[in-house]
Structure formats: C-alpha cells, structure tokens
Protein backbone atom coordinates (compact mmCIF):
# COMPACT_ATOMS: atom_id res chain seq x y z
CA UNK A 1 0.00 0.00 0.00
CA UNK A 2 1.51 3.31 -1.08
CA UNK A 3 1.30 6.53 0.93
CA UNK A 4 -1.03 8.04 -1.71
CA UNK A 5 -3.39 5.06 -1.62
CA UNK A 6 -3.29 5.09 2.17
CA UNK A 7 -4.20 8.78 2.29
CA UNK A 8 -7.25 8.17 0.07
CA UNK A 9 -8.31 5.22 2.24
CA UNK A 10 -8.02 7.30 5.41
CA UNK A 11 -10.09 10.16 3.98
CA UNK A 12 -12.83 7.79 2.80
CA UNK A 13 -13.04 6.08 6.19
CA UNK A 14 -13.24 9.37 8.07
CA UNK A 15 -16.02 10.69 5.84
CA UNK A 16 -18.00 7.46 6.27
CA UNK A 17 -17.99 7.88 10.05
CA UNK A 18 -19.13 11.49 10.10
CA UNK A 19 -22.79 10.64 10.75
CA UNK A 20 -21.96 9.30 14.22
CA UNK A 21 -21.70 11.62 17.29
CA UNK A 22 -18.19 10.61 18.32
CA UNK A 23 -15.48 12.32 20.35
CA UNK A 24 -12.92 11.35 17.72
CA UNK A 25 -12.63 9.52 14.42
CA UNK A 26 -10.33 6.49 14.43
CA UNK A 27 -9.20 4.43 11.48
CA UNK A 28 -7.12 1.26 11.86
CA UNK A 29 -5.19 -0.02 8.85
CA UNK A 30 -3.28 -3.29 8.66
CA UNK A 31 -0.30 -4.50 6.61
CA UNK A 32 1.17 -1.02 6.39
CA UNK A 33 4.93 -1.11 5.87
CA UNK A 34 7.29 1.02 7.92
CA UNK A 35 8.40 2.75 4.71
CA UNK A 36 4.79 3.69 3.93
CA UNK A 37 4.34 5.01 7.45
CA UNK A 38 7.47 7.15 7.13
CA UNK A 39 6.33 8.41 3.72
CA UNK A 40 2.92 9.30 5.10
CA UNK A 41 4.50 11.30 7.92
CA UNK A 42 6.68 13.15 5.43
CA UNK A 43 3.83 13.80 2.97
CA UNK A 44 1.38 15.10 5.57
CA UNK A 45 3.94 17.03 7.63
CA UNK A 46 3.20 18.60 11.00
CA UNK A 47 0.24 20.73 9.91
CA UNK A 48 -2.29 17.88 10.16
CA UNK A 49 -4.94 17.41 12.82
CA UNK A 50 -4.47 13.65 13.05
CA UNK A 51 -2.40 11.54 15.44
CA UNK A 52 -0.64 8.33 14.38
CA UNK A 53 0.21 5.13 16.25
CA UNK A 54 2.16 2.39 14.49
CA UNK A 55 3.25 -1.10 15.59
CA UNK A 56 3.87 -4.35 13.75
CA UNK A 57 2.34 -3.14 10.48
CA UNK A 58 -0.83 -1.77 12.11
CA UNK A 59 -1.44 1.97 11.76
CA UNK A 60 -4.09 3.72 13.86
CA UNK A 61 -5.05 7.24 12.79
CA UNK A 62 -7.08 9.47 15.12
CA UNK A 63 -8.68 12.81 14.40
CA UNK A 64 -10.04 14.49 17.58
CA UNK A 65 -13.38 16.25 17.89
CA UNK A 66 -14.38 18.90 20.41
CA UNK A 67 -15.32 16.49 23.23
CA UNK A 68 -11.97 14.75 22.97
CA UNK A 69 -9.84 17.83 22.50
CA UNK A 70 -11.66 19.86 25.17
CA UNK A 71 -10.98 17.17 27.79
CA UNK A 72 -7.38 16.77 26.69
CA UNK A 73 -6.65 20.51 26.78
CA UNK A 74 -8.29 21.07 30.15
CA UNK A 75 -6.50 18.18 31.87
CA UNK A 76 -3.36 19.69 30.40
CA UNK A 77 -4.32 23.03 32.02
CA UNK A 78 -4.85 21.31 35.38
CA UNK A 79 -1.44 19.65 35.19
CA UNK A 80 0.20 23.02 34.45
CA UNK A 81 -1.68 24.75 37.28
CA UNK A 82 -0.78 21.99 39.76
CA UNK A 83 2.88 22.14 38.74
CA UNK A 84 2.92 25.92 39.04
CA UNK A 85 1.40 25.87 42.53
CA UNK A 86 3.90 23.27 43.76
CA UNK A 87 6.81 24.83 41.83
CA UNK A 88 7.43 21.59 39.95
CA UNK A 89 9.59 21.96 36.85
CA UNK A 90 7.58 20.70 33.90
CA UNK A 91 7.97 20.58 30.15
CA UNK A 92 4.86 19.95 28.07
CA UNK A 93 5.44 18.50 24.62
CA UNK A 94 1.87 17.83 23.50
CA UNK A 95 1.59 15.22 20.76
CA UNK A 96 5.32 14.66 20.44
CA UNK A 97 6.11 12.18 17.67
CA UNK A 98 7.98 9.31 19.30
CA UNK A 99 9.37 6.66 16.97
CA UNK A 100 12.12 4.07 17.00
CA UNK A 101 12.85 2.88 13.45
CA UNK A 102 14.85 -0.12 14.69
CA UNK A 103 11.74 -1.42 16.46
CA UNK A 104 9.36 -0.18 13.74
CA UNK A 105 7.07 1.61 16.14
CA UNK A 106 5.78 5.14 16.52
CA UNK A 107 3.28 7.07 18.62
CA UNK A 108 1.77 10.52 19.00
CA UNK A 109 -0.05 10.85 22.37
CA UNK A 110 -2.82 13.29 23.15
CA UNK A 111 -0.39 15.00 25.55
CA UNK A 112 2.94 14.17 27.15
CA UNK A 113 5.11 15.63 29.88
CA UNK A 114 8.68 15.61 31.11
CA UNK A 115 8.82 15.95 34.89
CA UNK A 116 11.53 13.84 36.54
CA UNK A 117 13.55 13.98 33.30
CA UNK A 118 12.82 17.65 32.64
CA UNK A 119 16.37 18.75 33.57
CA UNK A 120 17.81 16.33 30.99
CA UNK A 121 15.87 17.77 28.05
CA UNK A 122 15.43 21.34 29.32
CA UNK A 123 17.82 23.00 26.88
CA UNK A 124 16.92 20.86 23.85
CA UNK A 125 14.74 22.17 21.05
CA UNK A 126 14.68 18.79 19.27
CA UNK A 127 13.71 15.75 21.35
CA UNK A 128 14.39 12.33 19.81
CA UNK A 129 12.90 9.56 21.91
CA UNK A 130 15.33 6.65 21.78
CA UNK A 131 18.30 8.96 22.00
CA UNK A 132 16.59 11.08 24.67
CA UNK A 133 14.51 9.60 27.50
CA UNK A 134 10.79 9.12 26.88
CA UNK A 135 8.25 11.45 28.52
CA UNK A 136 7.58 10.71 32.19
CA UNK A 137 3.84 10.90 31.63
CA UNK A 138 1.50 10.35 28.69
CA UNK A 139 -2.18 11.36 28.66
CA UNK A 140 -4.68 9.48 26.50
CA UNK A 141 -8.34 10.50 26.16
CA UNK A 142 -10.43 7.37 25.49
CA UNK A 143 -13.99 8.68 25.39
CA UNK A 144 -14.97 6.74 22.26
CA UNK A 145 -12.33 4.04 21.84
CA UNK A 146 -10.00 2.40 24.39
CA UNK A 147 -6.26 2.92 24.05
CA UNK A 148 -5.44 -0.76 24.60
CA UNK A 149 -3.74 -1.04 21.21
CA UNK A 150 -1.54 1.94 22.00
CA UNK A 151 -0.30 0.83 25.41
CA UNK A 152 2.19 -1.76 24.02
CA UNK A 153 3.79 1.03 21.98
CA UNK A 154 4.26 3.23 25.05
CA UNK A 155 5.63 0.21 26.93
CA UNK A 156 8.25 -0.43 24.24
CA UNK A 157 9.12 3.27 24.26
CA UNK A 158 9.65 3.00 28.02
CA UNK A 159 7.05 5.58 29.12
CA UNK A 160 6.77 4.98 32.90
CA UNK A 161 3.21 6.28 33.37
CA UNK A 162 0.03 6.66 31.30
CA UNK A 163 -3.20 8.42 32.27
CA UNK A 164 -6.44 7.32 30.59
CA UNK A 165 -9.54 9.51 30.76
CA UNK A 166 -12.81 8.07 29.42
CA UNK A 167 -15.12 11.01 30.03
CA UNK A 168 -16.27 9.68 33.42
CA UNK A 169 -13.16 8.48 35.23
CA UNK A 170 -9.38 8.78 35.13
CA UNK A 171 -7.10 5.77 35.44
CA UNK A 172 -3.43 5.91 36.41
CA UNK A 173 -1.24 3.19 34.85
CA UNK A 174 2.39 2.42 35.71
CA UNK A 175 4.83 0.40 33.61
CA UNK A 176 5.79 -2.82 35.39
CA UNK A 177 7.72 -5.66 33.75
CA UNK A 178 6.80 -4.43 30.27
CA UNK A 179 3.07 -4.01 30.98
CA UNK A 180 0.88 -1.27 32.41
CA UNK A 181 -0.79 -1.92 35.75
CA UNK A 182 -3.41 0.28 37.49
CA UNK A 183 -2.09 2.27 40.45
CA UNK A 184 -3.97 4.32 43.05
CA UNK A 185 -1.59 7.29 43.08
CA UNK A 186 0.14 8.89 40.13
CA UNK A 187 3.90 8.40 39.98
CA UNK A 188 4.38 11.90 38.59
CA UNK A 189 1.89 13.68 40.87
CA UNK A 190 1.17 11.49 43.93
CA UNK A 191 -0.68 14.31 45.73
CA UNK A 192 -3.18 14.80 42.89
CA UNK A 193 -6.08 12.29 43.12
CA UNK A 194 -7.77 11.07 39.96
CA UNK A 195 -11.21 11.93 41.35
CA UNK A 196 -10.18 15.58 41.83
CA UNK A 197 -9.06 15.86 38.21
CA UNK A 198 -12.34 14.38 36.99
CA UNK A 199 -14.34 16.68 39.27
CA UNK A 200 -12.76 19.82 37.83
CA UNK A 201 -12.88 18.57 34.24
CA UNK A 202 -16.64 18.15 34.67
CA UNK A 203 -17.03 21.41 36.59
CA UNK A 204 -15.64 23.47 33.73
CA UNK A 205 -18.79 22.71 31.70
CA UNK A 206 -20.95 24.67 34.15
CA UNK A 207 -18.56 27.14 35.76
CA UNK A 208 -16.39 27.90 32.73
CA UNK A 209 -12.74 27.04 32.21
CA UNK A 210 -11.08 30.14 33.67
CA UNK A 211 -13.21 30.13 36.81
CA UNK A 212 -12.69 26.39 37.24
CA UNK A 213 -8.92 26.78 37.02
CA UNK A 214 -9.08 29.44 39.73
CA UNK A 215 -11.12 27.10 41.93
CA UNK A 216 -8.67 24.28 41.27
CA UNK A 217 -5.72 26.43 42.33
CA UNK A 218 -7.61 27.23 45.56
CA UNK A 219 -8.06 23.49 46.16
CA UNK A 220 -4.35 22.86 45.65
CA UNK A 221 -3.38 25.60 48.08
CA UNK A 222 -5.84 24.33 50.69
CA UNK A 223 -5.19 20.59 50.36
CA UNK A 224 -1.65 20.02 49.14
CA UNK A 225 1.33 20.85 51.31
CA UNK A 226 3.83 22.90 49.30
CA UNK A 227 7.39 22.06 50.31
C-alpha cells in the first residue's frame, strides 16, 4: 500500500464515520509497511490534525473532535496549574512524535510531559525519543475508543506512566515488567487524586474554564502541602 493510496483510504473512512456523534474519528489499517508510514509522515507534515500510532504493520489514525480535545486541553491546564502551585519543573510536549525505526514503532499521544527527566531535556529544542529519555507521563483521552492497542507502543518506548480519561473516570497506569498496571496514586503527581481531576474537568462545563482553574488552584493551596 503506497502513501497516496493510504491517504485516500483514510479520507474515505473518516467521511463514512461522520454521521456518528463521536469524540474522535479512528481508522485502523493493517499490513502497512514502515516505509509507507514514514512516507505518510513526510507527505502530511506537522500541519495535520491527526495523530498516528504504528506497531507491527498496524497503523491507527485518530482525528479528535471537540469532546476529545476539550478534555485533553483542560486536563493539560490542570497539570500546568498543579505544577505551578507546587513549583514543579515541567515541560509539556503535546503530541510529540515518538518513533524508534529499529523497532518499527511510533506514537503521538494526546499530551505528554517531562517531569523527573525535565532537567535532561530542558535546553533541547529537538527531542528524539530513543536517544533522549521518553516522557515521564503520557495522557490518553479514550472517550470513544480504548487505548489498549496503543499501550504496548508506550511500553516499548519506556514511558513509565500513562493516564487514561474516558469522560467519566481517570485511570493511572504504571509500567511494570513491560506491561501497564493500574495504580492508586500517580507516579508523577502522587498528591493529585484522579477523582479531583475528573471533578474539575466536569465542573468546567458549568462554571467555565477560567473560573474552574481558579477554583482548582484554591483546592491545591488548601489541600496540598507545598514544600
């Protein structure tokens, strides 16, 4: 399958799904060569609104809608606000393309963060996962489709923690012996409960995003000891 043929197939699949009220469009294609995947990345460039995940010849392409992107962006805002209040050094790299050609795998998360490894990549404009450490935390929004197929990619990349938000709850996953296991407290932010994040993500829909962020900062100051 050539990159041109693949692009036409993707567009047709996305259009066919447009009559469903989804939070994102996802297309999964099989028997896609690594060379085709690389060509597709080069042809489409970085001005696309789709995210790619590739492993063992399977390519998943996701295009987010407002429900998906709104949740992703606001959780990202909460992480920034929490880090600011606790004076935690943080580098946000959004949907950083992470790929290791030798392993023929690639991923673009909804959001990703360097926290423990922030000092290592602080002065780098170009981050190459494989040469540089992977992000300490990856966020995946799974409102319509689960991210089960993407977790093995993050495991092979060595991402120590993944958050999964499904629109109702937030799950913390930690990498253990090559697989992700649920944990009660986040490795990156142990003082930030999942239920609090979900509460404020939902609250923004009635209170508004700016006001909700102000309320969240008040909660942090009142409930988390700043050292």
